[in-house]
Amino acid sequence: MTWTVLSLLTWSTDHLREKGIESPRLTTELLLAHALGIQRLALYLQFDRPLKPDEMAAFKSSLLRKLKREPLDYILGETEFYGRPFTVSPAVLIPRPETEGLVEVAAERLRGRTTPTILDIGSGSGCIAVTLALLVPAARVTALEVSPAALDVAMANARRHNAAVYPVLADLFDTGALPVGPFDLIVSNPPYIPDEDRAELEPEVLKFEPALALFSGADPLHFYRRLADLVPTHLAPDGWLIAETHADGAESVAALWRAANLADVTVTADLAGIPRVVAGRKT
């Protein structure tokens, strides 16, 4: 049998639907377009196109990965964040739309500052650091990451978007390895999912995304306490500490910020109305 674009779309969509894969038609279209090296909408102009053996092999490989519940973003090798494509791999957390709210809060707090210094802690894909570097071109942005593989992805994205981002490979809890600063903005999307919530995660997340970037451990405020500890030494006067939080943890993080003598502490909700971003200013 000779597989055409249309016959393959039809069969694969039905197969993914039977296996319980979300958005089976869209997923099939994206996988097939990726295998053919064309835009998704171009498939509709090529329904009768027969697939070559190498194209068929590439599509089959991608389809099998999806059937194992691997995230589509990892299969395609990129995702969109703040209107830009970002390279992703299993070494980094897949950027979420909620984190765009973190970037917006940070950019707003930097309004009017000509050459701010920014430290992105736990940079991962670099989506926060790169986006802020593009939104505030005169900023000096440092991306701190404990994983060498993740830092490689972050810097690949910095190069991809011609963003001035400086890499630092270091553990947040190793005080001697941290960049000196002080910084006008310390921003972070730290691991904040409680260990007891593991069972509630989708297989795509639990099996494939890096646990190092997901789970907070026994103490859900573990990383936030460490961020608060940096206020005296690494945050500049009038500087901002801003972090994304778990839906149930925003008020606890806000209390930590106040205990660290930060002023103007605010909690900003995401588009779903869930408290998500906590910000505070050093007086």
C-alpha atoms as a PDB file:
ATOM      1  CA  MET A   1       0.000   0.000   0.000  1.00  0.00           C
ATOM      2  CA  THR A   2       1.192   3.469  -0.874  1.00  0.00           C
ATOM      3  CA  TRP A   3       0.555   5.926   1.934  1.00  0.00           C
ATOM      4  CA  THR A   4      -0.484   9.430   0.946  1.00  0.00           C
ATOM      5  CA  VAL A   5      -0.656  12.479   3.196  1.00  0.00           C
ATOM      6  CA  LEU A   6      -4.448  12.158   3.492  1.00  0.00           C
ATOM      7  CA  SER A   7      -4.561   8.410   4.137  1.00  0.00           C
ATOM      8  CA  LEU A   8      -1.819   8.692   6.740  1.00  0.00           C
ATOM      9  CA  LEU A   9      -3.536  11.613   8.453  1.00  0.00           C
ATOM     10  CA  THR A  10      -6.812   9.693   8.609  1.00  0.00           C
ATOM     11  CA  TRP A  11      -5.375   6.417   9.893  1.00  0.00           C
ATOM     12  CA  SER A  12      -2.988   7.978  12.418  1.00  0.00           C
ATOM     13  CA  THR A  13      -5.632  10.331  13.817  1.00  0.00           C
ATOM     14  CA  ASP A  14      -7.980   7.390  14.440  1.00  0.00           C
ATOM     15  CA  HIS A  15      -5.160   5.375  16.002  1.00  0.00           C
ATOM     16  CA  LEU A  16      -4.103   8.151  18.372  1.00  0.00           C
ATOM     17  CA  ARG A  17      -7.729   8.732  19.346  1.00  0.00           C
ATOM     18  CA  GLU A  18      -8.145   5.028  20.191  1.00  0.00           C
ATOM     19  CA  LYS A  19      -5.033   5.212  22.381  1.00  0.00           C
ATOM     20  CA  GLY A  20      -6.383   8.188  24.331  1.00  0.00           C
ATOM     21  CA  ILE A  21      -3.941  10.777  22.980  1.00  0.00           C
ATOM     22  CA  GLU A  22      -5.214  14.338  23.412  1.00  0.00           C
ATOM     23  CA  SER A  23      -5.954  16.355  20.224  1.00  0.00           C
ATOM     24  CA  PRO A  24      -5.220  13.419  17.906  1.00  0.00           C
ATOM     25  CA  ARG A  25      -5.785  15.282  14.605  1.00  0.00           C
ATOM     26  CA  LEU A  26      -3.624  18.266  15.504  1.00  0.00           C
ATOM     27  CA  THR A  27      -0.931  15.980  16.911  1.00  0.00           C
ATOM     28  CA  THR A  28      -0.901  13.906  13.723  1.00  0.00           C
ATOM     29  CA  GLU A  29      -0.686  16.988  11.539  1.00  0.00           C
ATOM     30  CA  LEU A  30       2.227  18.416  13.514  1.00  0.00           C
ATOM     31  CA  LEU A  31       4.117  15.116  13.480  1.00  0.00           C
ATOM     32  CA  LEU A  32       3.584  14.607   9.757  1.00  0.00           C
ATOM     33  CA  ALA A  33       4.510  18.173   8.850  1.00  0.00           C
ATOM     34  CA  HIS A  34       7.662  17.776  10.957  1.00  0.00           C
ATOM     35  CA  ALA A  35       8.578  14.545   9.176  1.00  0.00           C
ATOM     36  CA  LEU A  36       8.027  16.156   5.769  1.00  0.00           C
ATOM     37  CA  GLY A  37       9.811  19.384   6.676  1.00  0.00           C
ATOM     38  CA  ILE A  38       6.843  21.599   5.761  1.00  0.00           C
ATOM     39  CA  GLN A  39       4.367  23.871   7.545  1.00  0.00           C
ATOM     40  CA  ARG A  40       1.283  22.165   8.993  1.00  0.00           C
ATOM     41  CA  LEU A  41      -1.164  24.056   6.782  1.00  0.00           C
ATOM     42  CA  ALA A  42       0.786  22.984   3.693  1.00  0.00           C
ATOM     43  CA  LEU A  43      -0.468  19.444   4.282  1.00  0.00           C
ATOM     44  CA  TYR A  44      -3.876  20.537   3.028  1.00  0.00           C
ATOM     45  CA  LEU A  45      -2.377  21.370  -0.356  1.00  0.00           C
ATOM     46  CA  GLN A  46      -0.683  17.985  -0.672  1.00  0.00           C
ATOM     47  CA  PHE A  47      -3.316  15.401   0.314  1.00  0.00           C
ATOM     48  CA  ASP A  48      -2.459  13.185  -2.667  1.00  0.00           C
ATOM     49  CA  ARG A  49       1.307  13.321  -2.099  1.00  0.00           C
ATOM     50  CA  PRO A  50       2.781   9.844  -1.573  1.00  0.00           C
ATOM     51  CA  LEU A  51       5.369   9.520   1.180  1.00  0.00           C
ATOM     52  CA  LYS A  52       8.893   8.460   0.333  1.00  0.00           C
ATOM     53  CA  PRO A  53      10.424   5.626   2.404  1.00  0.00           C
ATOM     54  CA  ASP A  54      12.622   7.991   4.443  1.00  0.00           C
ATOM     55  CA  GLU A  55       9.662  10.297   5.112  1.00  0.00           C
ATOM     56  CA  MET A  56       7.560   7.356   6.187  1.00  0.00           C
ATOM     57  CA  ALA A  57      10.306   6.133   8.506  1.00  0.00           C
ATOM     58  CA  ALA A  58      10.660   9.565  10.109  1.00  0.00           C
ATOM     59  CA  PHE A  59       6.924   9.864  10.672  1.00  0.00           C
ATOM     60  CA  LYS A  60       6.633   6.343  12.062  1.00  0.00           C
ATOM     61  CA  SER A  61       9.449   7.018  14.531  1.00  0.00           C
ATOM     62  CA  SER A  62       7.738  10.194  15.750  1.00  0.00           C
ATOM     63  CA  LEU A  63       4.357   8.476  15.993  1.00  0.00           C
ATOM     64  CA  LEU A  64       5.789   5.647  18.095  1.00  0.00           C
ATOM     65  CA  ARG A  65       7.362   8.187  20.462  1.00  0.00           C
ATOM     66  CA  LYS A  66       4.000   9.909  20.862  1.00  0.00           C
ATOM     67  CA  LEU A  67       2.274   6.588  21.544  1.00  0.00           C
ATOM     68  CA  LYS A  68       4.706   6.172  24.446  1.00  0.00           C
ATOM     69  CA  ARG A  69       3.283   9.486  25.732  1.00  0.00           C
ATOM     70  CA  GLU A  70       6.404  11.527  25.054  1.00  0.00           C
ATOM     71  CA  PRO A  71       5.537  15.246  24.989  1.00  0.00           C
ATOM     72  CA  LEU A  72       4.960  16.574  21.498  1.00  0.00           C
ATOM     73  CA  ASP A  73       7.328  19.479  22.185  1.00  0.00           C
ATOM     74  CA  TYR A  74      10.251  17.099  22.738  1.00  0.00           C
ATOM     75  CA  ILE A  75       9.465  15.171  19.553  1.00  0.00           C
ATOM     76  CA  LEU A  76       9.291  18.365  17.505  1.00  0.00           C
ATOM     77  CA  GLY A  77      12.306  19.782  19.348  1.00  0.00           C
ATOM     78  CA  GLU A  78      10.731  23.153  20.094  1.00  0.00           C
ATOM     79  CA  THR A  79       7.812  24.994  21.633  1.00  0.00           C
ATOM     80  CA  GLU A  80       6.444  28.533  21.590  1.00  0.00           C
ATOM     81  CA  PHE A  81       6.929  30.977  24.441  1.00  0.00           C
ATOM     82  CA  TYR A  82       5.962  34.634  24.404  1.00  0.00           C
ATOM     83  CA  GLY A  83       5.413  34.422  20.649  1.00  0.00           C
ATOM     84  CA  ARG A  84       8.849  32.984  19.902  1.00  0.00           C
ATOM     85  CA  PRO A  85      10.056  29.452  19.130  1.00  0.00           C
ATOM     86  CA  PHE A  86      12.320  27.912  21.767  1.00  0.00           C
ATOM     87  CA  THR A  87      14.402  24.776  21.417  1.00  0.00           C
ATOM     88  CA  VAL A  88      13.559  22.164  24.050  1.00  0.00           C
ATOM     89  CA  SER A  89      14.869  18.743  24.968  1.00  0.00           C
ATOM     90  CA  PRO A  90      14.265  16.269  27.817  1.00  0.00           C
ATOM     91  CA  ALA A  91      17.027  18.142  29.686  1.00  0.00           C
ATOM     92  CA  VAL A  92      14.667  21.073  30.312  1.00  0.00           C
ATOM     93  CA  LEU A  93      11.155  21.726  31.495  1.00  0.00           C
ATOM     94  CA  ILE A  94       8.774  22.585  28.672  1.00  0.00           C
ATOM     95  CA  PRO A  95       7.868  26.298  29.032  1.00  0.00           C
ATOM     96  CA  ARG A  96       4.244  26.878  30.062  1.00  0.00           C
ATOM     97  CA  PRO A  97       1.945  29.797  29.241  1.00  0.00           C
ATOM     98  CA  GLU A  98       1.710  30.569  32.970  1.00  0.00           C
ATOM     99  CA  THR A  99       5.369  31.523  32.982  1.00  0.00           C
ATOM    100  CA  GLU A 100       4.674  34.250  30.438  1.00  0.00           C
ATOM    101  CA  GLY A 101       2.892  36.001  33.310  1.00  0.00           C
ATOM    102  CA  LEU A 102       6.117  35.862  35.314  1.00  0.00           C
ATOM    103  CA  VAL A 103       7.952  37.572  32.466  1.00  0.00           C
ATOM    104  CA  GLU A 104       5.273  40.258  32.201  1.00  0.00           C
ATOM    105  CA  VAL A 105       5.441  41.052  35.929  1.00  0.00           C
ATOM    106  CA  ALA A 106       9.252  41.212  35.770  1.00  0.00           C
ATOM    107  CA  ALA A 107       9.285  43.468  32.690  1.00  0.00           C
ATOM    108  CA  GLU A 108       6.761  45.801  34.316  1.00  0.00           C
ATOM    109  CA  ARG A 109       8.887  46.127  37.470  1.00  0.00           C
ATOM    110  CA  LEU A 110      11.906  47.015  35.317  1.00  0.00           C
ATOM    111  CA  ARG A 111      10.096  49.752  33.442  1.00  0.00           C
ATOM    112  CA  GLY A 112      12.125  52.964  33.450  1.00  0.00           C
ATOM    113  CA  ARG A 113      15.450  51.305  34.304  1.00  0.00           C
ATOM    114  CA  THR A 114      17.995  51.827  31.569  1.00  0.00           C
ATOM    115  CA  THR A 115      20.624  49.136  32.207  1.00  0.00           C
ATOM    116  CA  PRO A 116      19.251  46.721  34.826  1.00  0.00           C
ATOM    117  CA  THR A 117      21.097  43.605  35.932  1.00  0.00           C
ATOM    118  CA  ILE A 118      19.013  40.422  35.935  1.00  0.00           C
ATOM    119  CA  LEU A 119      19.676  36.995  37.440  1.00  0.00           C
ATOM    120  CA  ASP A 120      17.457  34.137  36.218  1.00  0.00           C
ATOM    121  CA  ILE A 121      17.815  31.259  38.682  1.00  0.00           C
ATOM    122  CA  GLY A 122      17.102  27.759  37.364  1.00  0.00           C
ATOM    123  CA  SER A 123      17.072  29.004  33.794  1.00  0.00           C
ATOM    124  CA  GLY A 124      16.200  25.695  32.110  1.00  0.00           C
ATOM    125  CA  SER A 125      15.389  26.358  28.451  1.00  0.00           C
ATOM    126  CA  GLY A 126      16.336  29.986  28.969  1.00  0.00           C
ATOM    127  CA  CYS A 127      12.857  31.170  28.005  1.00  0.00           C
ATOM    128  CA  ILE A 128      12.720  33.700  30.871  1.00  0.00           C
ATOM    129  CA  ALA A 129      16.276  34.993  30.500  1.00  0.00           C
ATOM    130  CA  VAL A 130      16.118  35.252  26.706  1.00  0.00           C
ATOM    131  CA  THR A 131      12.692  36.903  26.660  1.00  0.00           C
ATOM    132  CA  LEU A 132      13.707  39.483  29.257  1.00  0.00           C
ATOM    133  CA  ALA A 133      16.916  40.181  27.360  1.00  0.00           C
ATOM    134  CA  LEU A 134      14.849  40.889  24.253  1.00  0.00           C
ATOM    135  CA  LEU A 135      12.247  42.964  26.093  1.00  0.00           C
ATOM    136  CA  VAL A 136      14.921  45.017  27.892  1.00  0.00           C
ATOM    137  CA  PRO A 137      17.769  45.168  25.339  1.00  0.00           C
ATOM    138  CA  ALA A 138      20.121  47.180  27.576  1.00  0.00           C
ATOM    139  CA  ALA A 139      19.829  44.703  30.457  1.00  0.00           C
ATOM    140  CA  ARG A 140      22.680  42.455  31.519  1.00  0.00           C
ATOM    141  CA  VAL A 141      21.058  39.056  31.956  1.00  0.00           C
ATOM    142  CA  THR A 142      22.707  36.120  33.739  1.00  0.00           C
ATOM    143  CA  ALA A 143      21.263  32.608  33.460  1.00  0.00           C
ATOM    144  CA  LEU A 144      22.080  30.375  36.439  1.00  0.00           C
ATOM    145  CA  GLU A 145      21.575  26.639  35.997  1.00  0.00           C
ATOM    146  CA  VAL A 146      22.777  23.563  37.891  1.00  0.00           C
ATOM    147  CA  SER A 147      22.388  21.189  34.917  1.00  0.00           C
ATOM    148  CA  PRO A 148      25.076  21.427  32.194  1.00  0.00           C
ATOM    149  CA  ALA A 149      22.690  19.933  29.616  1.00  0.00           C
ATOM    150  CA  ALA A 150      19.978  22.455  30.490  1.00  0.00           C
ATOM    151  CA  LEU A 151      22.436  25.360  30.328  1.00  0.00           C
ATOM    152  CA  ASP A 152      23.465  24.201  26.846  1.00  0.00           C
ATOM    153  CA  VAL A 153      19.819  24.447  25.751  1.00  0.00           C
ATOM    154  CA  ALA A 154      19.455  27.897  27.319  1.00  0.00           C
ATOM    155  CA  MET A 155      22.490  29.210  25.488  1.00  0.00           C
ATOM    156  CA  ALA A 156      21.356  27.628  22.220  1.00  0.00           C
ATOM    157  CA  ASN A 157      18.147  29.617  22.577  1.00  0.00           C
ATOM    158  CA  ALA A 158      20.096  32.773  23.384  1.00  0.00           C
ATOM    159  CA  ARG A 159      22.062  32.322  20.172  1.00  0.00           C
ATOM    160  CA  ARG A 160      18.916  31.463  18.241  1.00  0.00           C
ATOM    161  CA  HIS A 161      17.336  34.795  19.204  1.00  0.00           C
ATOM    162  CA  ASN A 162      20.561  36.832  19.308  1.00  0.00           C
ATOM    163  CA  ALA A 163      19.962  37.626  22.978  1.00  0.00           C
ATOM    164  CA  ALA A 164      22.751  38.772  25.285  1.00  0.00           C
ATOM    165  CA  VAL A 165      22.601  36.200  28.082  1.00  0.00           C
ATOM    166  CA  TYR A 166      25.574  35.208  30.233  1.00  0.00           C
ATOM    167  CA  PRO A 167      25.692  31.580  31.447  1.00  0.00           C
ATOM    168  CA  VAL A 168      26.660  30.472  34.941  1.00  0.00           C
ATOM    169  CA  LEU A 169      26.821  26.785  35.841  1.00  0.00           C
ATOM    170  CA  ALA A 170      26.278  26.652  39.595  1.00  0.00           C
ATOM    171  CA  ASP A 171      24.136  25.252  42.384  1.00  0.00           C
ATOM    172  CA  LEU A 172      21.805  27.777  43.979  1.00  0.00           C
ATOM    173  CA  PHE A 173      22.713  26.346  47.379  1.00  0.00           C
ATOM    174  CA  ASP A 174      26.464  26.770  46.847  1.00  0.00           C
ATOM    175  CA  THR A 175      26.933  30.358  48.006  1.00  0.00           C
ATOM    176  CA  GLY A 176      30.530  30.537  46.857  1.00  0.00           C
ATOM    177  CA  ALA A 177      29.631  29.642  43.281  1.00  0.00           C
ATOM    178  CA  LEU A 178      26.916  32.268  42.803  1.00  0.00           C
ATOM    179  CA  PRO A 179      27.549  35.359  40.674  1.00  0.00           C
ATOM    180  CA  VAL A 180      28.368  38.341  42.869  1.00  0.00           C
ATOM    181  CA  GLY A 181      25.769  40.889  41.776  1.00  0.00           C
ATOM    182  CA  PRO A 182      24.010  42.754  43.215  1.00  0.00           C
ATOM    183  CA  PHE A 183      21.099  42.425  40.784  1.00  0.00           C
ATOM    184  CA  ASP A 184      18.207  44.749  40.070  1.00  0.00           C
ATOM    185  CA  LEU A 185      16.031  41.698  39.437  1.00  0.00           C
ATOM    186  CA  ILE A 186      16.277  38.130  40.668  1.00  0.00           C
ATOM    187  CA  VAL A 187      13.683  36.012  38.895  1.00  0.00           C
ATOM    188  CA  SER A 188      12.978  32.304  39.155  1.00  0.00           C
ATOM    189  CA  ASN A 189      10.563  29.560  38.224  1.00  0.00           C
ATOM    190  CA  PRO A 190      11.878  27.020  40.761  1.00  0.00           C
ATOM    191  CA  PRO A 191      10.733  23.422  41.277  1.00  0.00           C
ATOM    192  CA  TYR A 192       7.483  23.779  43.209  1.00  0.00           C
ATOM    193  CA  ILE A 193       5.357  20.653  42.738  1.00  0.00           C
ATOM    194  CA  PRO A 194       4.989  18.843  46.097  1.00  0.00           C
ATOM    195  CA  ASP A 195       6.142  15.235  46.085  1.00  0.00           C
ATOM    196  CA  GLU A 196       2.669  14.087  47.120  1.00  0.00           C
ATOM    197  CA  ASP A 197       1.260  15.494  43.853  1.00  0.00           C
ATOM    198  CA  ARG A 198       3.287  13.143  41.654  1.00  0.00           C
ATOM    199  CA  ALA A 199       0.364  10.765  41.142  1.00  0.00           C
ATOM    200  CA  GLU A 200      -1.773  13.594  39.758  1.00  0.00           C
ATOM    201  CA  LEU A 201       0.595  14.433  36.903  1.00  0.00           C
ATOM    202  CA  GLU A 202       0.008  13.394  33.314  1.00  0.00           C
ATOM    203  CA  PRO A 203       2.245  10.548  32.059  1.00  0.00           C
ATOM    204  CA  GLU A 204       3.905  12.950  29.610  1.00  0.00           C
ATOM    205  CA  VAL A 205       5.104  15.081  32.509  1.00  0.00           C
ATOM    206  CA  LEU A 206       5.956  12.386  35.037  1.00  0.00           C
ATOM    207  CA  LYS A 207       7.830  10.083  32.646  1.00  0.00           C
ATOM    208  CA  PHE A 208       9.670  12.553  30.468  1.00  0.00           C
ATOM    209  CA  GLU A 209      10.184  15.998  32.020  1.00  0.00           C
ATOM    210  CA  PRO A 210      13.180  16.432  34.368  1.00  0.00           C
ATOM    211  CA  ALA A 211      12.248  15.759  37.998  1.00  0.00           C
ATOM    212  CA  LEU A 212      14.992  18.182  39.038  1.00  0.00           C
ATOM    213  CA  ALA A 213      12.961  21.029  37.547  1.00  0.00           C
ATOM    214  CA  LEU A 214       9.582  19.829  38.814  1.00  0.00           C
ATOM    215  CA  PHE A 215       9.565  18.653  42.416  1.00  0.00           C
ATOM    216  CA  SER A 216      10.191  20.683  45.544  1.00  0.00           C
ATOM    217  CA  GLY A 217      10.941  17.750  47.844  1.00  0.00           C
ATOM    218  CA  ALA A 218       9.520  17.353  51.331  1.00  0.00           C
ATOM    219  CA  ASP A 219       9.478  21.107  51.986  1.00  0.00           C
ATOM    220  CA  PRO A 220       7.419  22.944  49.333  1.00  0.00           C
ATOM    221  CA  LEU A 221       9.115  26.212  50.321  1.00  0.00           C
ATOM    222  CA  HIS A 222      12.656  24.801  50.129  1.00  0.00           C
ATOM    223  CA  PHE A 223      13.754  26.824  47.089  1.00  0.00           C
ATOM    224  CA  TYR A 224      11.821  29.941  48.066  1.00  0.00           C
ATOM    225  CA  ARG A 225      13.575  30.070  51.441  1.00  0.00           C
ATOM    226  CA  ARG A 226      16.877  30.010  49.604  1.00  0.00           C
ATOM    227  CA  LEU A 227      15.754  32.792  47.267  1.00  0.00           C
ATOM    228  CA  ALA A 228      14.748  34.912  50.256  1.00  0.00           C
ATOM    229  CA  ASP A 229      18.199  34.290  51.772  1.00  0.00           C
ATOM    230  CA  LEU A 230      19.766  36.024  48.759  1.00  0.00           C
ATOM    231  CA  VAL A 231      18.018  39.345  49.420  1.00  0.00           C
ATOM    232  CA  PRO A 232      20.710  40.871  51.719  1.00  0.00           C
ATOM    233  CA  THR A 233      23.682  39.847  49.580  1.00  0.00           C
ATOM    234  CA  HIS A 234      22.530  39.574  45.961  1.00  0.00           C
ATOM    235  CA  LEU A 235      19.579  41.921  45.518  1.00  0.00           C
ATOM    236  CA  ALA A 236      20.361  45.596  44.869  1.00  0.00           C
ATOM    237  CA  PRO A 237      18.566  48.372  46.753  1.00  0.00           C
ATOM    238  CA  ASP A 238      15.194  48.950  45.082  1.00  0.00           C
ATOM    239  CA  GLY A 239      15.679  45.598  43.338  1.00  0.00           C
ATOM    240  CA  TRP A 240      12.913  43.037  42.843  1.00  0.00           C
ATOM    241  CA  LEU A 241      12.664  39.365  43.777  1.00  0.00           C
ATOM    242  CA  ILE A 242      10.025  37.660  41.620  1.00  0.00           C
ATOM    243  CA  ALA A 243       9.120  33.972  41.477  1.00  0.00           C
ATOM    244  CA  GLU A 244       6.488  31.682  40.032  1.00  0.00           C
ATOM    245  CA  THR A 245       4.715  29.515  42.610  1.00  0.00           C
ATOM    246  CA  HIS A 246       2.484  26.513  43.049  1.00  0.00           C
ATOM    247  CA  ALA A 247      -1.221  27.358  42.989  1.00  0.00           C
ATOM    248  CA  ASP A 248      -1.517  26.644  46.724  1.00  0.00           C
ATOM    249  CA  GLY A 249       1.758  28.247  47.741  1.00  0.00           C
ATOM    250  CA  ALA A 250       1.567  31.882  46.674  1.00  0.00           C
ATOM    251  CA  GLU A 251       0.529  33.299  50.031  1.00  0.00           C
ATOM    252  CA  SER A 252       3.199  31.300  51.868  1.00  0.00           C
ATOM    253  CA  VAL A 253       5.845  32.630  49.492  1.00  0.00           C
ATOM    254  CA  ALA A 254       4.500  36.156  49.943  1.00  0.00           C
ATOM    255  CA  ALA A 255       4.919  35.706  53.709  1.00  0.00           C
ATOM    256  CA  LEU A 256       8.542  34.674  53.131  1.00  0.00           C
ATOM    257  CA  TRP A 257       9.133  37.795  51.029  1.00  0.00           C
ATOM    258  CA  ARG A 258       7.717  40.005  53.799  1.00  0.00           C
ATOM    259  CA  ALA A 259       9.833  38.216  56.408  1.00  0.00           C
ATOM    260  CA  ALA A 260      12.865  39.049  54.249  1.00  0.00           C
ATOM    261  CA  ASN A 261      11.902  42.737  54.645  1.00  0.00           C
ATOM    262  CA  LEU A 262      10.736  43.107  51.055  1.00  0.00           C
ATOM    263  CA  ALA A 263       8.191  45.853  50.415  1.00  0.00           C
ATOM    264  CA  ASP A 264       5.351  46.187  47.903  1.00  0.00           C
ATOM    265  CA  VAL A 265       4.778  42.430  47.970  1.00  0.00           C
ATOM    266  CA  THR A 266       2.188  41.438  45.384  1.00  0.00           C
ATOM    267  CA  VAL A 267       0.606  38.187  44.218  1.00  0.00           C
ATOM    268  CA  THR A 268      -0.451  38.092  40.558  1.00  0.00           C
ATOM    269  CA  ALA A 269      -2.891  35.515  39.190  1.00  0.00           C
ATOM    270  CA  ASP A 270      -2.528  33.759  35.848  1.00  0.00           C
ATOM    271  CA  LEU A 271      -5.179  33.842  33.105  1.00  0.00           C
ATOM    272  CA  ALA A 272      -7.098  31.105  34.901  1.00  0.00           C
ATOM    273  CA  GLY A 273      -7.308  33.244  38.028  1.00  0.00           C
ATOM    274  CA  ILE A 274      -4.814  31.095  39.959  1.00  0.00           C
ATOM    275  CA  PRO A 275      -2.303  32.944  42.208  1.00  0.00           C
ATOM    276  CA  ARG A 276       0.950  32.379  40.390  1.00  0.00           C
ATOM    277  CA  VAL A 277       3.608  35.132  40.624  1.00  0.00           C
ATOM    278  CA  VAL A 278       4.947  36.698  43.835  1.00  0.00           C
ATOM    279  CA  ALA A 279       7.007  39.889  43.677  1.00  0.00           C
ATOM    280  CA  GLY A 280       8.693  42.010  46.344  1.00  0.00           C
ATOM    281  CA  ARG A 281      11.021  45.026  46.357  1.00  0.00           C
ATOM    282  CA  LYS A 282      14.090  45.597  48.502  1.00  0.00           C
ATOM    283  CA  THR A 283      13.907  48.922  50.290  1.00  0.00           C
END
